[in-house]
Amino acid sequence: MTGIIDANTKDNERGLLPYPIIFAANKGEPEAMKVVILHYGSYMTSLSMRKLYDEQGNTYWGIDEETCDRLRSKLIQAILAFKI
């Protein structure tokens, strides 16, 4: 499986994941699942940005880790439930 992942993780011109990676992740292959999660990691991070407050009441933008974890969990569930 590692050879397939190495050969197909190069960014293609449209930024899509190769079919063998999606297929392997759908079958529960941990390395392929990791590739998919890394592929969508920055998107999940951007969706998890929230206005947060520190101890002094100052506001700042940061990553809501709970939201990021929920998105990651939903992605894994969707990958495993996807009908190929």
Protein backbone atom coordinates (compact mmCIF):
# COMPACT_ATOMS: atom_id res chain seq x y z
CA MET A 1 0.00 0.00 0.00
CA THR A 2 2.83 2.41 0.73
CA GLY A 3 3.91 2.40 -2.92
CA ILE A 4 0.44 3.40 -4.06
CA ILE A 5 0.32 6.24 -1.55
CA ASP A 6 3.80 7.50 -2.46
CA ALA A 7 3.10 7.34 -6.18
CA ASN A 8 -0.28 9.05 -6.01
CA THR A 9 0.09 11.75 -3.34
CA LYS A 10 1.65 14.24 -5.72
CA ASP A 11 -0.70 17.18 -6.23
CA ASN A 12 -2.50 16.95 -9.50
CA GLU A 13 -3.64 20.07 -11.30
CA ARG A 14 -7.10 20.14 -9.69
CA GLY A 15 -6.01 19.22 -6.15
CA LEU A 16 -8.07 16.02 -6.05
CA LEU A 17 -7.15 12.86 -4.22
CA PRO A 18 -6.36 9.91 -6.48
CA TYR A 19 -8.93 7.13 -6.65
CA PRO A 20 -6.61 4.44 -5.16
CA ILE A 21 -6.18 6.57 -2.02
CA ILE A 22 -9.94 7.07 -1.66
CA PHE A 23 -10.58 3.37 -2.28
CA ALA A 24 -7.97 2.27 0.28
CA ALA A 25 -9.25 4.74 2.88
CA ASN A 26 -12.80 3.50 2.30
CA LYS A 27 -11.58 -0.02 3.05
CA GLY A 28 -10.04 1.17 6.33
CA GLU A 29 -6.36 1.35 5.34
CA PRO A 30 -4.77 3.56 8.07
CA GLU A 31 -2.08 5.10 5.83
CA ALA A 32 -4.61 6.08 3.18
CA MET A 33 -6.91 7.50 5.85
CA LYS A 34 -4.02 9.59 7.11
CA VAL A 35 -3.40 10.93 3.60
CA VAL A 36 -7.06 11.94 3.25
CA ILE A 37 -7.10 13.64 6.67
CA LEU A 38 -3.88 15.52 5.85
CA HIS A 39 -5.33 16.55 2.48
CA TYR A 40 -8.34 18.17 4.15
CA GLY A 41 -6.48 19.32 7.28
CA SER A 42 -6.08 22.98 6.32
CA TYR A 43 -9.73 23.18 5.25
CA MET A 44 -10.89 21.72 8.57
CA THR A 45 -8.60 24.14 10.40
CA SER A 46 -10.03 27.12 8.55
CA LEU A 47 -13.57 25.95 9.36
CA SER A 48 -12.56 25.65 13.03
CA MET A 49 -11.37 29.25 13.42
CA ARG A 50 -13.32 31.07 16.13
CA LYS A 51 -13.14 34.31 18.03
CA LEU A 52 -11.73 33.26 21.40
CA TYR A 53 -11.16 35.14 24.65
CA ASP A 54 -8.19 35.01 27.01
CA GLU A 55 -8.19 35.42 30.81
CA GLN A 56 -8.16 39.22 30.58
CA GLY A 57 -11.14 39.26 28.21
CA ASN A 58 -9.10 40.09 25.11
CA THR A 59 -10.38 38.61 21.88
CA TYR A 60 -8.28 36.79 19.32
CA TRP A 61 -8.79 34.34 16.48
CA GLY A 62 -7.79 30.77 17.18
CA ILE A 63 -8.57 27.17 16.36
CA ASP A 64 -11.44 25.62 18.26
CA GLU A 65 -9.95 22.17 18.85
CA GLU A 66 -13.32 20.60 19.68
CA THR A 67 -14.76 21.73 16.35
CA CYS A 68 -11.66 20.51 14.51
CA ASP A 69 -11.92 17.11 16.22
CA ARG A 70 -15.60 16.86 15.32
CA LEU A 71 -14.88 17.68 11.68
CA ARG A 72 -12.11 15.07 11.58
CA SER A 73 -14.45 12.48 13.10
CA LYS A 74 -17.20 13.30 10.58
CA LEU A 75 -14.70 13.03 7.72
CA ILE A 76 -13.60 9.57 8.89
CA GLN A 77 -17.22 8.45 9.23
CA ALA A 78 -18.04 9.76 5.76
CA ILE A 79 -15.02 8.01 4.22
CA LEU A 80 -15.94 4.67 5.75
CA ALA A 81 -19.64 5.00 4.85
CA PHE A 82 -18.98 6.11 1.25
CA LYS A 83 -20.33 3.60 -1.27
CA ILE A 84 -17.79 2.83 -3.98
